[in-house]
Amino acid sequence: MLVGVNDGRFFLGNFHCLDKQGNIILQDAVEFRSIRRSSPSPMEQRGLGLILIPSSCRTSCHIESSMEEQFSLLSLRQ
């Protein structure tokens, strides 16, 4: 799961859970943030582990899945 927050950072990690308040917990998370434009690499990353992202800070949320997983979510099974 890739989650963006309002200060411009992004967190990529495995979805662990969503609590009653809408906070997302990611495990094995990596933080990506923009650094100075003079640097050869525009993004810096660092490993964080288990993190909680408050719902009030979240601006975007993307889930990576295979085509088979996407089709299984669309099927109407009873």
PDB file of N, CA and C in Angstrom:
ATOM      1  N   MET A   1       0.843  -1.167   0.000  1.00  0.00           N
ATOM      2  CA  MET A   1       0.000   0.000   0.000  1.00  0.00           C
ATOM      3  C   MET A   1       0.891   1.234   0.000  1.00  0.00           C
ATOM      4  N   LEU A   2       0.524   2.215  -0.776  1.00  0.00           N
ATOM      5  CA  LEU A   2       1.248   3.484  -0.848  1.00  0.00           C
ATOM      6  C   LEU A   2       0.329   4.568  -0.288  1.00  0.00           C
ATOM      7  N   VAL A   3       0.785   5.271   0.757  1.00  0.00           N
ATOM      8  CA  VAL A   3      -0.031   6.289   1.419  1.00  0.00           C
ATOM      9  C   VAL A   3       0.710   7.622   1.378  1.00  0.00           C
ATOM     10  N   GLY A   4       0.025   8.669   0.909  1.00  0.00           N
ATOM     11  CA  GLY A   4       0.584  10.017   0.894  1.00  0.00           C
ATOM     12  C   GLY A   4       0.049  10.817   2.067  1.00  0.00           C
ATOM     13  N   VAL A   5       0.889  11.688   2.615  1.00  0.00           N
ATOM     14  CA  VAL A   5       0.462  12.548   3.720  1.00  0.00           C
ATOM     15  C   VAL A   5       0.613  14.008   3.321  1.00  0.00           C
ATOM     16  N   ASN A   6      -0.023  14.898   4.111  1.00  0.00           N
ATOM     17  CA  ASN A   6      -0.135  16.295   3.711  1.00  0.00           C
ATOM     18  C   ASN A   6       1.165  17.096   3.710  1.00  0.00           C
ATOM     19  N   ASP A   7       2.262  16.574   4.208  1.00  0.00           N
ATOM     20  CA  ASP A   7       3.534  17.303   4.137  1.00  0.00           C
ATOM     21  C   ASP A   7       4.384  16.872   2.941  1.00  0.00           C
ATOM     22  N   GLY A   8       3.816  16.056   2.046  1.00  0.00           N
ATOM     23  CA  GLY A   8       4.507  15.671   0.817  1.00  0.00           C
ATOM     24  C   GLY A   8       5.216  14.332   0.867  1.00  0.00           C
ATOM     25  N   ARG A   9       5.262  13.696   2.032  1.00  0.00           N
ATOM     26  CA  ARG A   9       5.918  12.399   2.127  1.00  0.00           C
ATOM     27  C   ARG A   9       4.974  11.287   1.684  1.00  0.00           C
ATOM     28  N   PHE A  10       5.576  10.149   1.317  1.00  0.00           N
ATOM     29  CA  PHE A  10       4.830   8.950   0.963  1.00  0.00           C
ATOM     30  C   PHE A  10       5.385   7.785   1.766  1.00  0.00           C
ATOM     31  N   PHE A  11       4.505   6.866   2.129  1.00  0.00           N
ATOM     32  CA  PHE A  11       4.907   5.674   2.863  1.00  0.00           C
ATOM     33  C   PHE A  11       4.459   4.451   2.080  1.00  0.00           C
ATOM     34  N   LEU A  12       5.370   3.529   1.856  1.00  0.00           N
ATOM     35  CA  LEU A  12       5.089   2.289   1.147  1.00  0.00           C
ATOM     36  C   LEU A  12       5.308   1.140   2.114  1.00  0.00           C
ATOM     37  N   GLY A  13       4.290   0.298   2.284  1.00  0.00           N
ATOM     38  CA  GLY A  13       4.420  -0.820   3.208  1.00  0.00           C
ATOM     39  C   GLY A  13       3.275  -1.802   3.054  1.00  0.00           C
ATOM     40  N   ASN A  14       3.315  -2.843   3.863  1.00  0.00           N
ATOM     41  CA  ASN A  14       2.261  -3.854   3.853  1.00  0.00           C
ATOM     42  C   ASN A  14       1.144  -3.402   4.789  1.00  0.00           C
ATOM     43  N   PHE A  15      -0.085  -3.414   4.270  1.00  0.00           N
ATOM     44  CA  PHE A  15      -1.240  -3.031   5.075  1.00  0.00           C
ATOM     45  C   PHE A  15      -1.380  -4.001   6.239  1.00  0.00           C
ATOM     46  N   HIS A  16      -1.485  -3.463   7.454  1.00  0.00           N
ATOM     47  CA  HIS A  16      -1.662  -4.295   8.638  1.00  0.00           C
ATOM     48  C   HIS A  16      -3.096  -4.195   9.144  1.00  0.00           C
ATOM     49  N   CYS A  17      -3.584  -2.966   9.366  1.00  0.00           N
ATOM     50  CA  CYS A  17      -4.969  -2.806   9.806  1.00  0.00           C
ATOM     51  C   CYS A  17      -5.415  -1.351   9.698  1.00  0.00           C
ATOM     52  N   LEU A  18      -6.718  -1.180   9.886  1.00  0.00           N
ATOM     53  CA  LEU A  18      -7.370   0.121   9.899  1.00  0.00           C
ATOM     54  C   LEU A  18      -8.175   0.169  11.194  1.00  0.00           C
ATOM     55  N   ASP A  19      -7.955   1.195  12.025  1.00  0.00           N
ATOM     56  CA  ASP A  19      -8.688   1.249  13.288  1.00  0.00           C
ATOM     57  C   ASP A  19     -10.008   2.014  13.150  1.00  0.00           C
ATOM     58  N   LYS A  20     -10.757   2.130  14.246  1.00  0.00           N
ATOM     59  CA  LYS A  20     -12.075   2.771  14.215  1.00  0.00           C
ATOM     60  C   LYS A  20     -12.017   4.227  13.775  1.00  0.00           C
ATOM     61  N   GLN A  21     -10.908   4.892  14.066  1.00  0.00           N
ATOM     62  CA  GLN A  21     -10.754   6.301  13.706  1.00  0.00           C
ATOM     63  C   GLN A  21     -10.289   6.503  12.265  1.00  0.00           C
ATOM     64  N   GLY A  22     -10.010   5.429  11.554  1.00  0.00           N
ATOM     65  CA  GLY A  22      -9.554   5.522  10.167  1.00  0.00           C
ATOM     66  C   GLY A  22      -8.051   5.635  10.012  1.00  0.00           C
ATOM     67  N   ASN A  23      -7.309   5.447  11.093  1.00  0.00           N
ATOM     68  CA  ASN A  23      -5.848   5.461  11.015  1.00  0.00           C
ATOM     69  C   ASN A  23      -5.374   4.164  10.365  1.00  0.00           C
ATOM     70  N   ILE A  24      -4.367   4.261   9.530  1.00  0.00           N
ATOM     71  CA  ILE A  24      -3.812   3.088   8.844  1.00  0.00           C
ATOM     72  C   ILE A  24      -2.508   2.682   9.523  1.00  0.00           C
ATOM     73  N   ILE A  25      -2.343   1.394   9.724  1.00  0.00           N
ATOM     74  CA  ILE A  25      -1.079   0.873  10.242  1.00  0.00           C
ATOM     75  C   ILE A  25      -0.423   0.055   9.132  1.00  0.00           C
ATOM     76  N   LEU A  26       0.815   0.419   8.810  1.00  0.00           N
ATOM     77  CA  LEU A  26       1.616  -0.286   7.810  1.00  0.00           C
ATOM     78  C   LEU A  26       2.777  -0.971   8.502  1.00  0.00           C
ATOM     79  N   GLN A  27       3.124  -2.154   8.026  1.00  0.00           N
ATOM     80  CA  GLN A  27       4.318  -2.820   8.545  1.00  0.00           C
ATOM     81  C   GLN A  27       5.363  -2.898   7.437  1.00  0.00           C
ATOM     82  N   ASP A  28       6.604  -2.996   7.837  1.00  0.00           N
ATOM     83  CA  ASP A  28       7.748  -2.977   6.906  1.00  0.00           C
ATOM     84  C   ASP A  28       7.692  -1.739   6.014  1.00  0.00           C
ATOM     85  N   ALA A  29       7.364  -0.604   6.603  1.00  0.00           N
ATOM     86  CA  ALA A  29       7.167   0.634   5.847  1.00  0.00           C
ATOM     87  C   ALA A  29       8.488   1.309   5.491  1.00  0.00           C
ATOM     88  N   VAL A  30       8.462   1.977   4.351  1.00  0.00           N
ATOM     89  CA  VAL A  30       9.584   2.786   3.883  1.00  0.00           C
ATOM     90  C   VAL A  30       9.032   4.184   3.608  1.00  0.00           C
ATOM     91  N   GLU A  31       9.739   5.204   4.084  1.00  0.00           N
ATOM     92  CA  GLU A  31       9.332   6.596   3.877  1.00  0.00           C
ATOM     93  C   GLU A  31      10.073   7.153   2.665  1.00  0.00           C
ATOM     94  N   PHE A  32       9.359   7.855   1.802  1.00  0.00           N
ATOM     95  CA  PHE A  32       9.942   8.546   0.662  1.00  0.00           C
ATOM     96  C   PHE A  32       9.642  10.030   0.818  1.00  0.00           C
ATOM     97  N   ARG A  33      10.676  10.867   0.684  1.00  0.00           N
ATOM     98  CA  ARG A  33      10.456  12.306   0.779  1.00  0.00           C
ATOM     99  C   ARG A  33      11.346  13.036  -0.201  1.00  0.00           C
ATOM    100  N   SER A  34      10.892  14.198  -0.638  1.00  0.00           N
ATOM    101  CA  SER A  34      11.661  15.031  -1.561  1.00  0.00           C
ATOM    102  C   SER A  34      12.796  15.695  -0.807  1.00  0.00           C
ATOM    103  N   ILE A  35      13.910  15.812  -1.507  1.00  0.00           N
ATOM    104  CA  ILE A  35      15.057  16.514  -0.929  1.00  0.00           C
ATOM    105  C   ILE A  35      15.428  17.659  -1.857  1.00  0.00           C
ATOM    106  N   ARG A  36      16.497  18.317  -1.571  1.00  0.00           N
ATOM    107  CA  ARG A  36      16.905  19.494  -2.354  1.00  0.00           C
ATOM    108  C   ARG A  36      16.989  19.189  -3.856  1.00  0.00           C
ATOM    109  N   ARG A  37      16.655  20.168  -4.618  1.00  0.00           N
ATOM    110  CA  ARG A  37      16.686  19.995  -6.079  1.00  0.00           C
ATOM    111  C   ARG A  37      18.103  19.876  -6.621  1.00  0.00           C
ATOM    112  N   SER A  38      19.083  20.357  -5.883  1.00  0.00           N
ATOM    113  CA  SER A  38      20.470  20.287  -6.349  1.00  0.00           C
ATOM    114  C   SER A  38      21.039  18.873  -6.242  1.00  0.00           C
ATOM    115  N   SER A  39      20.342  18.012  -5.523  1.00  0.00           N
ATOM    116  CA  SER A  39      20.811  16.644  -5.335  1.00  0.00           C
ATOM    117  C   SER A  39      20.550  15.821  -6.594  1.00  0.00           C
ATOM    118  N   PRO A  40      21.429  14.846  -6.920  1.00  0.00           N
ATOM    119  CA  PRO A  40      21.197  14.019  -8.106  1.00  0.00           C
ATOM    120  C   PRO A  40      19.947  13.146  -7.992  1.00  0.00           C
ATOM    121  N   SER A  41      19.586  12.748  -6.785  1.00  0.00           N
ATOM    122  CA  SER A  41      18.393  11.939  -6.578  1.00  0.00           C
ATOM    123  C   SER A  41      17.309  12.804  -5.946  1.00  0.00           C
ATOM    124  N   PRO A  42      16.146  12.958  -6.611  1.00  0.00           N
ATOM    125  CA  PRO A  42      15.110  13.852  -6.085  1.00  0.00           C
ATOM    126  C   PRO A  42      14.369  13.294  -4.870  1.00  0.00           C
ATOM    127  N   MET A  43      14.472  11.991  -4.613  1.00  0.00           N
ATOM    128  CA  MET A  43      13.775  11.382  -3.483  1.00  0.00           C
ATOM    129  C   MET A  43      14.769  10.685  -2.561  1.00  0.00           C
ATOM    130  N   GLU A  44      14.500  10.801  -1.282  1.00  0.00           N
ATOM    131  CA  GLU A  44      15.298  10.113  -0.275  1.00  0.00           C
ATOM    132  C   GLU A  44      14.383   9.096   0.403  1.00  0.00           C
ATOM    133  N   GLN A  45      14.925   7.957   0.769  1.00  0.00           N
ATOM    134  CA  GLN A  45      14.095   6.946   1.428  1.00  0.00           C
ATOM    135  C   GLN A  45      14.779   6.428   2.684  1.00  0.00           C
ATOM    136  N   ARG A  46      13.938   5.976   3.632  1.00  0.00           N
ATOM    137  CA  ARG A  46      14.472   5.347   4.846  1.00  0.00           C
ATOM    138  C   ARG A  46      13.464   4.336   5.362  1.00  0.00           C
ATOM    139  N   GLY A  47      13.973   3.249   5.903  1.00  0.00           N
ATOM    140  CA  GLY A  47      13.133   2.199   6.456  1.00  0.00           C
ATOM    141  C   GLY A  47      12.606   2.590   7.821  1.00  0.00           C
ATOM    142  N   LEU A  48      11.332   2.311   8.069  1.00  0.00           N
ATOM    143  CA  LEU A  48      10.704   2.690   9.328  1.00  0.00           C
ATOM    144  C   LEU A  48      10.168   1.511  10.130  1.00  0.00           C
ATOM    145  N   GLY A  49       9.760   0.446   9.489  1.00  0.00           N
ATOM    146  CA  GLY A  49       9.153  -0.677  10.208  1.00  0.00           C
ATOM    147  C   GLY A  49       7.657  -0.509  10.321  1.00  0.00           C
ATOM    148  N   LEU A  50       7.120  -0.622  11.550  1.00  0.00           N
ATOM    149  CA  LEU A  50       5.690  -0.525  11.812  1.00  0.00           C
ATOM    150  C   LEU A  50       5.331   0.931  12.112  1.00  0.00           C
ATOM    151  N   ILE A  51       4.378   1.503  11.349  1.00  0.00           N
ATOM    152  CA  ILE A  51       3.999   2.902  11.560  1.00  0.00           C
ATOM    153  C   ILE A  51       2.485   3.061  11.544  1.00  0.00           C
ATOM    154  N   LEU A  52       2.014   4.104  12.212  1.00  0.00           N
ATOM    155  CA  LEU A  52       0.612   4.488  12.204  1.00  0.00           C
ATOM    156  C   LEU A  52       0.505   5.806  11.465  1.00  0.00           C
ATOM    157  N   ILE A  53      -0.385   5.863  10.479  1.00  0.00           N
ATOM    158  CA  ILE A  53      -0.606   7.090   9.721  1.00  0.00           C
ATOM    159  C   ILE A  53      -1.991   7.616  10.095  1.00  0.00           C
ATOM    160  N   PRO A  54      -2.058   8.762  10.773  1.00  0.00           N
ATOM    161  CA  PRO A  54      -3.348   9.304  11.186  1.00  0.00           C
ATOM    162  C   PRO A  54      -4.223   9.670   9.986  1.00  0.00           C
ATOM    163  N   SER A  55      -5.515   9.456  10.134  1.00  0.00           N
ATOM    164  CA  SER A  55      -6.445   9.760   9.031  1.00  0.00           C
ATOM    165  C   SER A  55      -6.443  11.252   8.709  1.00  0.00           C
ATOM    166  N   SER A  56      -6.178  12.098   9.699  1.00  0.00           N
ATOM    167  CA  SER A  56      -6.182  13.547   9.476  1.00  0.00           C
ATOM    168  C   SER A  56      -5.017  14.004   8.596  1.00  0.00           C
ATOM    169  N   CYS A  57      -3.957  13.207   8.499  1.00  0.00           N
ATOM    170  CA  CYS A  57      -2.778  13.567   7.702  1.00  0.00           C
ATOM    171  C   CYS A  57      -2.793  12.962   6.311  1.00  0.00           C
ATOM    172  N   ARG A  58      -3.625  11.968   6.089  1.00  0.00           N
ATOM    173  CA  ARG A  58      -3.609  11.207   4.844  1.00  0.00           C
ATOM    174  C   ARG A  58      -4.226  12.009   3.702  1.00  0.00           C
ATOM    175  N   THR A  59      -3.529  12.040   2.556  1.00  0.00           N
ATOM    176  CA  THR A  59      -4.053  12.728   1.369  1.00  0.00           C
ATOM    177  C   THR A  59      -4.352  11.764   0.226  1.00  0.00           C
ATOM    178  N   SER A  60      -3.680  10.614   0.194  1.00  0.00           N
ATOM    179  CA  SER A  60      -3.920   9.638  -0.868  1.00  0.00           C
ATOM    180  C   SER A  60      -3.602   8.242  -0.359  1.00  0.00           C
ATOM    181  N   CYS A  61      -4.178   7.268  -1.051  1.00  0.00           N
ATOM    182  CA  CYS A  61      -3.994   5.881  -0.649  1.00  0.00           C
ATOM    183  C   CYS A  61      -4.121   5.010  -1.905  1.00  0.00           C
ATOM    184  N   HIS A  62      -3.104   4.232  -2.210  1.00  0.00           N
ATOM    185  CA  HIS A  62      -3.110   3.366  -3.389  1.00  0.00           C
ATOM    186  C   HIS A  62      -2.728   1.952  -2.972  1.00  0.00           C
ATOM    187  N   ILE A  63      -3.415   0.991  -3.566  1.00  0.00           N
ATOM    188  CA  ILE A  63      -3.156  -0.409  -3.255  1.00  0.00           C
ATOM    189  C   ILE A  63      -2.619  -1.091  -4.498  1.00  0.00           C
ATOM    190  N   GLU A  64      -1.513  -1.806  -4.342  1.00  0.00           N
ATOM    191  CA  GLU A  64      -0.948  -2.582  -5.435  1.00  0.00           C
ATOM    192  C   GLU A  64      -1.477  -4.009  -5.338  1.00  0.00           C
ATOM    193  N   SER A  65      -1.985  -4.537  -6.446  1.00  0.00           N
ATOM    194  CA  SER A  65      -2.455  -5.923  -6.465  1.00  0.00           C
ATOM    195  C   SER A  65      -2.338  -6.470  -7.875  1.00  0.00           C
ATOM    196  N   SER A  66      -2.318  -7.777  -7.972  1.00  0.00           N
ATOM    197  CA  SER A  66      -2.237  -8.421  -9.281  1.00  0.00           C
ATOM    198  C   SER A  66      -3.600  -8.338  -9.970  1.00  0.00           C
ATOM    199  N   MET A  67      -3.631  -8.578 -11.263  1.00  0.00           N
ATOM    200  CA  MET A  67      -4.891  -8.563 -12.011  1.00  0.00           C
ATOM    201  C   MET A  67      -5.848  -9.628 -11.487  1.00  0.00           C
ATOM    202  N   GLU A  68      -5.323 -10.792 -11.096  1.00  0.00           N
ATOM    203  CA  GLU A  68      -6.172 -11.859 -10.572  1.00  0.00           C
ATOM    204  C   GLU A  68      -6.860 -11.427  -9.281  1.00  0.00           C
ATOM    205  N   GLU A  69      -6.119 -10.720  -8.412  1.00  0.00           N
ATOM    206  CA  GLU A  69      -6.709 -10.233  -7.169  1.00  0.00           C
ATOM    207  C   GLU A  69      -7.780  -9.186  -7.449  1.00  0.00           C
ATOM    208  N   GLN A  70      -7.530  -8.320  -8.431  1.00  0.00           N
ATOM    209  CA  GLN A  70      -8.515  -7.305  -8.779  1.00  0.00           C
ATOM    210  C   GLN A  70      -9.788  -7.933  -9.329  1.00  0.00           C
ATOM    211  N   PHE A  71      -9.648  -8.954 -10.179  1.00  0.00           N
ATOM    212  CA  PHE A  71     -10.827  -9.618 -10.733  1.00  0.00           C
ATOM    213  C   PHE A  71     -11.593 -10.359  -9.653  1.00  0.00           C
ATOM    214  N   SER A  72     -10.896 -10.963  -8.690  1.00  0.00           N
ATOM    215  CA  SER A  72     -11.579 -11.685  -7.621  1.00  0.00           C
ATOM    216  C   SER A  72     -12.386 -10.732  -6.744  1.00  0.00           C
ATOM    217  N   LEU A  73     -11.913  -9.502  -6.592  1.00  0.00           N
ATOM    218  CA  LEU A  73     -12.661  -8.516  -5.822  1.00  0.00           C
ATOM    219  C   LEU A  73     -13.924  -8.064  -6.547  1.00  0.00           C
ATOM    220  N   LEU A  74     -13.907  -8.134  -7.879  1.00  0.00           N
ATOM    221  CA  LEU A  74     -15.053  -7.695  -8.675  1.00  0.00           C
ATOM    222  C   LEU A  74     -16.111  -8.777  -8.847  1.00  0.00           C
ATOM    223  N   SER A  75     -15.747 -10.047  -8.618  1.00  0.00           N
ATOM    224  CA  SER A  75     -16.706 -11.131  -8.847  1.00  0.00           C
ATOM    225  C   SER A  75     -17.792 -11.112  -7.782  1.00  0.00           C
ATOM    226  N   LEU A  76     -18.977 -11.529  -8.180  1.00  0.00           N
ATOM    227  CA  LEU A  76     -20.114 -11.557  -7.266  1.00  0.00           C
ATOM    228  C   LEU A  76     -20.400 -12.981  -6.867  1.00  0.00           C
ATOM    229  N   ARG A  77     -19.747 -13.433  -5.821  1.00  0.00           N
ATOM    230  CA  ARG A  77     -19.948 -14.785  -5.321  1.00  0.00           C
ATOM    231  C   ARG A  77     -20.847 -14.731  -4.083  1.00  0.00           C
ATOM    232  N   GLN A  78     -21.670 -15.771  -3.909  1.00  0.00           N
ATOM    233  CA  GLN A  78     -22.531 -15.818  -2.717  1.00  0.00           C
ATOM    234  C   GLN A  78     -22.128 -16.945  -1.817  1.00  0.00           C
TER     235      GLN A  78
END
